[in-house]
């Protein structure tokens, strides 16, 4: 049974990594063609950092956001995200 769990973990990692690699390849091509006054990579690093910050904040408040969007009261915890 342990081997099945390890195989499942590898399958999950590979399934999640494939879109990341594809997006990374597209961003690499776009940044190579970029001619910003801030350089080729810096605008993409800044945009990626901002998107990751927003995503982590949304994940942190996901239970509260779900409650605001209509989750049932029994699924909601009493603790607020702060």
C-alpha atoms as a PDB file:
ATOM      1  CA  UNK A   1       0.000   0.000   0.000  1.00  0.00           C
ATOM      2  CA  UNK A   2       2.886   2.376   0.630  1.00  0.00           C
ATOM      3  CA  UNK A   3       4.056   2.039  -2.966  1.00  0.00           C
ATOM      4  CA  UNK A   4       0.600   3.018  -4.223  1.00  0.00           C
ATOM      5  CA  UNK A   5       0.713   6.157  -2.071  1.00  0.00           C
ATOM      6  CA  UNK A   6       4.143   7.100  -3.413  1.00  0.00           C
ATOM      7  CA  UNK A   7       2.988   6.559  -6.988  1.00  0.00           C
ATOM      8  CA  UNK A   8      -0.103   8.662  -6.337  1.00  0.00           C
ATOM      9  CA  UNK A   9       2.084  11.439  -4.919  1.00  0.00           C
ATOM     10  CA  UNK A  10       4.362  11.403  -7.968  1.00  0.00           C
ATOM     11  CA  UNK A  11       1.364  11.431 -10.315  1.00  0.00           C
ATOM     12  CA  UNK A  12      -0.104  14.392  -8.469  1.00  0.00           C
ATOM     13  CA  UNK A  13       3.165  16.324  -8.587  1.00  0.00           C
ATOM     14  CA  UNK A  14       3.644  15.693 -12.277  1.00  0.00           C
ATOM     15  CA  UNK A  15       0.068  16.647 -13.106  1.00  0.00           C
ATOM     16  CA  UNK A  16       0.469  19.930 -11.252  1.00  0.00           C
ATOM     17  CA  UNK A  17       3.941  20.641 -12.619  1.00  0.00           C
ATOM     18  CA  UNK A  18       3.098  20.281 -16.316  1.00  0.00           C
ATOM     19  CA  UNK A  19       0.979  23.465 -16.573  1.00  0.00           C
ATOM     20  CA  UNK A  20       3.630  25.328 -14.589  1.00  0.00           C
ATOM     21  CA  UNK A  21       6.324  24.317 -17.065  1.00  0.00           C
ATOM     22  CA  UNK A  22       4.140  25.325 -20.014  1.00  0.00           C
ATOM     23  CA  UNK A  23       3.376  28.736 -18.526  1.00  0.00           C
ATOM     24  CA  UNK A  24       7.014  29.221 -17.620  1.00  0.00           C
ATOM     25  CA  UNK A  25       8.024  28.519 -21.206  1.00  0.00           C
ATOM     26  CA  UNK A  26       5.526  31.085 -22.524  1.00  0.00           C
ATOM     27  CA  UNK A  27       6.691  33.719 -20.038  1.00  0.00           C
ATOM     28  CA  UNK A  28      10.296  33.030 -20.962  1.00  0.00           C
ATOM     29  CA  UNK A  29       9.522  33.626 -24.655  1.00  0.00           C
ATOM     30  CA  UNK A  30       7.555  36.823 -23.908  1.00  0.00           C
ATOM     31  CA  UNK A  31      10.276  38.188 -21.642  1.00  0.00           C
ATOM     32  CA  UNK A  32      12.961  37.536 -24.255  1.00  0.00           C
ATOM     33  CA  UNK A  33      10.980  39.684 -26.707  1.00  0.00           C
ATOM     34  CA  UNK A  34      10.228  42.422 -24.145  1.00  0.00           C
ATOM     35  CA  UNK A  35      11.923  45.774 -24.642  1.00  0.00           C
ATOM     36  CA  UNK A  36      10.877  47.626 -21.491  1.00  0.00           C
ATOM     37  CA  UNK A  37      12.974  50.427 -20.054  1.00  0.00           C
ATOM     38  CA  UNK A  38      13.163  48.349 -16.848  1.00  0.00           C
ATOM     39  CA  UNK A  39      14.774  45.415 -18.634  1.00  0.00           C
ATOM     40  CA  UNK A  40      13.526  42.186 -20.059  1.00  0.00           C
ATOM     41  CA  UNK A  41      12.866  40.199 -16.883  1.00  0.00           C
ATOM     42  CA  UNK A  42      12.000  42.756 -14.195  1.00  0.00           C
ATOM     43  CA  UNK A  43       8.424  43.519 -15.351  1.00  0.00           C
ATOM     44  CA  UNK A  44       7.638  39.809 -15.384  1.00  0.00           C
ATOM     45  CA  UNK A  45       9.206  39.246 -11.968  1.00  0.00           C
ATOM     46  CA  UNK A  46       7.169  42.137 -10.543  1.00  0.00           C
ATOM     47  CA  UNK A  47       3.914  40.940 -12.121  1.00  0.00           C
ATOM     48  CA  UNK A  48       4.517  37.368 -10.954  1.00  0.00           C
ATOM     49  CA  UNK A  49       5.319  38.525  -7.419  1.00  0.00           C
ATOM     50  CA  UNK A  50       2.134  40.574  -7.241  1.00  0.00           C
ATOM     51  CA  UNK A  51       0.010  37.692  -8.548  1.00  0.00           C
ATOM     52  CA  UNK A  52       1.530  35.272  -6.026  1.00  0.00           C
ATOM     53  CA  UNK A  53       0.907  37.748  -3.192  1.00  0.00           C
ATOM     54  CA  UNK A  54      -2.743  38.083  -4.174  1.00  0.00           C
ATOM     55  CA  UNK A  55      -3.122  34.304  -4.513  1.00  0.00           C
ATOM     56  CA  UNK A  56      -1.603  33.620  -1.070  1.00  0.00           C
ATOM     57  CA  UNK A  57      -3.884  36.250   0.489  1.00  0.00           C
ATOM     58  CA  UNK A  58      -6.936  34.698  -1.157  1.00  0.00           C
ATOM     59  CA  UNK A  59      -5.903  31.232   0.062  1.00  0.00           C
ATOM     60  CA  UNK A  60      -5.540  32.594   3.603  1.00  0.00           C
ATOM     61  CA  UNK A  61      -9.045  34.021   3.569  1.00  0.00           C
ATOM     62  CA  UNK A  62     -10.642  31.238   1.503  1.00  0.00           C
ATOM     63  CA  UNK A  63     -13.025  30.080   4.261  1.00  0.00           C
ATOM     64  CA  UNK A  64     -14.260  33.619   4.841  1.00  0.00           C
ATOM     65  CA  UNK A  65     -14.604  34.260   1.114  1.00  0.00           C
ATOM     66  CA  UNK A  66     -16.556  31.013   0.742  1.00  0.00           C
ATOM     67  CA  UNK A  67     -18.900  32.058   3.535  1.00  0.00           C
ATOM     68  CA  UNK A  68     -19.466  35.428   1.862  1.00  0.00           C
ATOM     69  CA  UNK A  69     -20.232  33.673  -1.415  1.00  0.00           C
ATOM     70  CA  UNK A  70     -22.909  31.478   0.159  1.00  0.00           C
ATOM     71  CA  UNK A  71     -21.393  28.523   2.010  1.00  0.00           C
ATOM     72  CA  UNK A  72     -23.650  27.027   4.652  1.00  0.00           C
ATOM     73  CA  UNK A  73     -23.229  28.087   8.277  1.00  0.00           C
ATOM     74  CA  UNK A  74     -22.271  24.577   9.435  1.00  0.00           C
ATOM     75  CA  UNK A  75     -19.302  24.612   7.029  1.00  0.00           C
ATOM     76  CA  UNK A  76     -18.042  27.979   8.306  1.00  0.00           C
ATOM     77  CA  UNK A  77     -15.590  28.258  11.178  1.00  0.00           C
ATOM     78  CA  UNK A  78     -15.939  30.964  13.812  1.00  0.00           C
ATOM     79  CA  UNK A  79     -12.374  32.253  13.491  1.00  0.00           C
ATOM     80  CA  UNK A  80     -11.912  35.113  11.025  1.00  0.00           C
ATOM     81  CA  UNK A  81      -8.755  35.233   8.897  1.00  0.00           C
ATOM     82  CA  UNK A  82      -6.807  37.922  10.773  1.00  0.00           C
END
